[in-house]
Amino acid sequence: MMEWRRLGNCHPQVYHDQFVAWQSPLVPIAQKLWEIAYPHTILCLAQLFHESAYATRGIAASKNWHNCLGQRPRPEDRNGPHDMGGFMSFPSWEECVRYWRRKITDSSYG
């Protein structure tokens, strides 16, 4: 079984290049998202593509929730102000990645 927390990092330019190729709204903040995701930048980039094609598809593109990672509320966040009936909303793309990073670095997760 793959230890997904140990996938490591890619160069920040990879984020920029992928976002540009997909005409993503994340292009202007590519470096910042890479910094927030560090040291899990490869995992984050893969999930960004899988969940929303870099914020160009799904709820990330159709709603103003800034949920580019398909984040569902953790138990402590259910029915809170950012729980939109099964998915989370965030004030910014950066906050979505921060929430993701807190979750995956929590030893009780996964």
C-alpha atoms as a PDB file:
ATOM      1  CA  MET A   1       0.000   0.000   0.000  1.00  0.00           C
ATOM      2  CA  MET A   2       1.287   3.462  -0.907  1.00  0.00           C
ATOM      3  CA  GLU A   3       2.114   5.826   1.935  1.00  0.00           C
ATOM      4  CA  TRP A   4       0.445   8.895   0.430  1.00  0.00           C
ATOM      5  CA  ARG A   5       1.814  11.269   3.050  1.00  0.00           C
ATOM      6  CA  ARG A   6       5.322  10.587   1.735  1.00  0.00           C
ATOM      7  CA  LEU A   7       4.836  11.428  -1.936  1.00  0.00           C
ATOM      8  CA  GLY A   8       6.854  14.599  -1.499  1.00  0.00           C
ATOM      9  CA  ASN A   9       7.099  17.752  -3.529  1.00  0.00           C
ATOM     10  CA  CYS A  10       7.306  19.018  -7.048  1.00  0.00           C
ATOM     11  CA  HIS A  11       8.807  22.316  -8.170  1.00  0.00           C
ATOM     12  CA  PRO A  12       6.459  25.330  -7.815  1.00  0.00           C
ATOM     13  CA  GLN A  13       6.654  25.901 -11.569  1.00  0.00           C
ATOM     14  CA  VAL A  14       4.727  22.651 -12.069  1.00  0.00           C
ATOM     15  CA  TYR A  15       1.720  24.199 -10.314  1.00  0.00           C
ATOM     16  CA  HIS A  16       1.911  27.291 -12.491  1.00  0.00           C
ATOM     17  CA  ASP A  17       2.336  25.339 -15.716  1.00  0.00           C
ATOM     18  CA  GLN A  18      -0.537  22.970 -14.983  1.00  0.00           C
ATOM     19  CA  PHE A  19      -2.874  25.802 -14.018  1.00  0.00           C
ATOM     20  CA  VAL A  20      -1.987  27.737 -17.162  1.00  0.00           C
ATOM     21  CA  ALA A  21      -2.537  24.675 -19.356  1.00  0.00           C
ATOM     22  CA  TRP A  22      -6.041  24.242 -17.909  1.00  0.00           C
ATOM     23  CA  GLN A  23      -6.867  27.969 -17.918  1.00  0.00           C
ATOM     24  CA  SER A  24      -7.429  27.717 -14.200  1.00  0.00           C
ATOM     25  CA  PRO A  25      -8.488  30.617 -11.974  1.00  0.00           C
ATOM     26  CA  LEU A  26      -5.692  29.403  -9.675  1.00  0.00           C
ATOM     27  CA  VAL A  27      -2.902  30.730 -11.940  1.00  0.00           C
ATOM     28  CA  PRO A  28      -2.367  34.002 -10.006  1.00  0.00           C
ATOM     29  CA  ILE A  29      -1.941  32.145  -6.710  1.00  0.00           C
ATOM     30  CA  ALA A  30      -0.030  29.078  -7.918  1.00  0.00           C
ATOM     31  CA  GLN A  31       3.069  29.852  -5.843  1.00  0.00           C
ATOM     32  CA  LYS A  32       0.989  30.559  -2.723  1.00  0.00           C
ATOM     33  CA  LEU A  33      -0.953  27.289  -3.055  1.00  0.00           C
ATOM     34  CA  TRP A  34       2.309  25.396  -3.479  1.00  0.00           C
ATOM     35  CA  GLU A  35       3.638  27.012  -0.290  1.00  0.00           C
ATOM     36  CA  ILE A  36       0.495  26.132   1.671  1.00  0.00           C
ATOM     37  CA  ALA A  37       0.533  22.519   0.450  1.00  0.00           C
ATOM     38  CA  TYR A  38       4.225  22.001   1.254  1.00  0.00           C
ATOM     39  CA  PRO A  39       5.496  19.330   2.074  1.00  0.00           C
ATOM     40  CA  HIS A  40       2.641  17.561   0.290  1.00  0.00           C
ATOM     41  CA  THR A  41       2.661  19.428  -3.009  1.00  0.00           C
ATOM     42  CA  ILE A  42       2.491  16.367  -5.271  1.00  0.00           C
ATOM     43  CA  LEU A  43      -0.495  14.951  -3.391  1.00  0.00           C
ATOM     44  CA  CYS A  44      -2.251  18.327  -3.418  1.00  0.00           C
ATOM     45  CA  LEU A  45      -1.682  18.842  -7.141  1.00  0.00           C
ATOM     46  CA  ALA A  46      -3.033  15.369  -7.902  1.00  0.00           C
ATOM     47  CA  GLN A  47      -6.112  15.951  -5.779  1.00  0.00           C
ATOM     48  CA  LEU A  48      -6.660  19.411  -7.292  1.00  0.00           C
ATOM     49  CA  PHE A  49      -6.795  17.779 -10.701  1.00  0.00           C
ATOM     50  CA  HIS A  50      -8.919  14.817  -9.626  1.00  0.00           C
ATOM     51  CA  GLU A  51     -11.500  16.838  -7.710  1.00  0.00           C
ATOM     52  CA  SER A  52     -11.911  19.889  -9.939  1.00  0.00           C
ATOM     53  CA  ALA A  53      -9.467  19.888 -12.880  1.00  0.00           C
ATOM     54  CA  TYR A  54      -7.689  22.757 -11.126  1.00  0.00           C
ATOM     55  CA  ALA A  55     -10.920  24.607 -10.233  1.00  0.00           C
ATOM     56  CA  THR A  56     -12.318  24.461 -13.767  1.00  0.00           C
ATOM     57  CA  ARG A  57     -14.971  21.782 -13.211  1.00  0.00           C
ATOM     58  CA  GLY A  58     -17.536  20.638 -10.657  1.00  0.00           C
ATOM     59  CA  ILE A  59     -18.503  22.662  -7.606  1.00  0.00           C
ATOM     60  CA  ALA A  60     -15.253  24.618  -7.833  1.00  0.00           C
ATOM     61  CA  ALA A  61     -16.342  26.079 -11.158  1.00  0.00           C
ATOM     62  CA  SER A  62     -20.109  26.199 -10.717  1.00  0.00           C
ATOM     63  CA  LYS A  63     -20.446  27.690  -7.242  1.00  0.00           C
ATOM     64  CA  ASN A  64     -18.649  30.459  -5.397  1.00  0.00           C
ATOM     65  CA  TRP A  65     -17.498  28.100  -2.648  1.00  0.00           C
ATOM     66  CA  HIS A  66     -13.754  28.126  -3.464  1.00  0.00           C
ATOM     67  CA  ASN A  67     -13.731  24.354  -2.893  1.00  0.00           C
ATOM     68  CA  CYS A  68     -11.138  23.194  -5.420  1.00  0.00           C
ATOM     69  CA  LEU A  69     -10.363  20.012  -3.462  1.00  0.00           C
ATOM     70  CA  GLY A  70     -13.860  18.594  -3.010  1.00  0.00           C
ATOM     71  CA  GLN A  71     -13.604  19.065   0.744  1.00  0.00           C
ATOM     72  CA  ARG A  72     -16.344  17.572   2.850  1.00  0.00           C
ATOM     73  CA  PRO A  73     -16.806  18.766   6.423  1.00  0.00           C
ATOM     74  CA  ARG A  74     -14.972  16.955   9.171  1.00  0.00           C
ATOM     75  CA  PRO A  75     -17.236  15.871  12.056  1.00  0.00           C
ATOM     76  CA  GLU A  76     -16.486  19.036  14.027  1.00  0.00           C
ATOM     77  CA  ASP A  77     -17.449  21.200  11.027  1.00  0.00           C
ATOM     78  CA  ARG A  78     -20.782  19.542  10.172  1.00  0.00           C
ATOM     79  CA  ASN A  79     -23.734  21.903  10.270  1.00  0.00           C
ATOM     80  CA  GLY A  80     -21.361  24.834  10.721  1.00  0.00           C
ATOM     81  CA  PRO A  81     -21.389  28.055   8.713  1.00  0.00           C
ATOM     82  CA  HIS A  82     -19.238  26.578   5.938  1.00  0.00           C
ATOM     83  CA  ASP A  83     -21.110  23.259   5.546  1.00  0.00           C
ATOM     84  CA  MET A  84     -23.104  23.537   2.336  1.00  0.00           C
ATOM     85  CA  GLY A  85     -25.000  20.283   2.670  1.00  0.00           C
ATOM     86  CA  GLY A  86     -22.129  17.854   2.317  1.00  0.00           C
ATOM     87  CA  PHE A  87     -19.396  20.062   0.883  1.00  0.00           C
ATOM     88  CA  MET A  88     -17.480  22.902   2.462  1.00  0.00           C
ATOM     89  CA  SER A  89     -17.348  26.506   1.298  1.00  0.00           C
ATOM     90  CA  PHE A  90     -14.297  28.681   1.840  1.00  0.00           C
ATOM     91  CA  PRO A  91     -13.643  32.418   1.662  1.00  0.00           C
ATOM     92  CA  SER A  92     -10.708  31.786  -0.691  1.00  0.00           C
ATOM     93  CA  TRP A  93      -8.898  29.068  -2.635  1.00  0.00           C
ATOM     94  CA  GLU A  94      -6.029  29.403  -0.175  1.00  0.00           C
ATOM     95  CA  GLU A  95      -8.310  28.622   2.762  1.00  0.00           C
ATOM     96  CA  CYS A  96      -9.483  25.477   1.005  1.00  0.00           C
ATOM     97  CA  VAL A  97      -5.889  24.257   0.648  1.00  0.00           C
ATOM     98  CA  ARG A  98      -5.146  25.171   4.268  1.00  0.00           C
ATOM     99  CA  TYR A  99      -8.156  23.120   5.411  1.00  0.00           C
ATOM    100  CA  TRP A 100      -6.967  20.208   3.245  1.00  0.00           C
ATOM    101  CA  ARG A 101      -3.440  20.397   4.680  1.00  0.00           C
ATOM    102  CA  ARG A 102      -4.678  20.470   8.288  1.00  0.00           C
ATOM    103  CA  LYS A 103      -6.781  17.421   7.554  1.00  0.00           C
ATOM    104  CA  ILE A 104      -4.098  15.320   5.895  1.00  0.00           C
ATOM    105  CA  THR A 105      -1.473  16.191   8.493  1.00  0.00           C
ATOM    106  CA  ASP A 106      -3.795  15.196  11.341  1.00  0.00           C
ATOM    107  CA  SER A 107      -2.558  11.832  12.587  1.00  0.00           C
ATOM    108  CA  SER A 108      -6.156  10.715  13.218  1.00  0.00           C
ATOM    109  CA  TYR A 109      -7.027  11.136   9.513  1.00  0.00           C
ATOM    110  CA  GLY A 110      -6.759   8.352   6.977  1.00  0.00           C
END
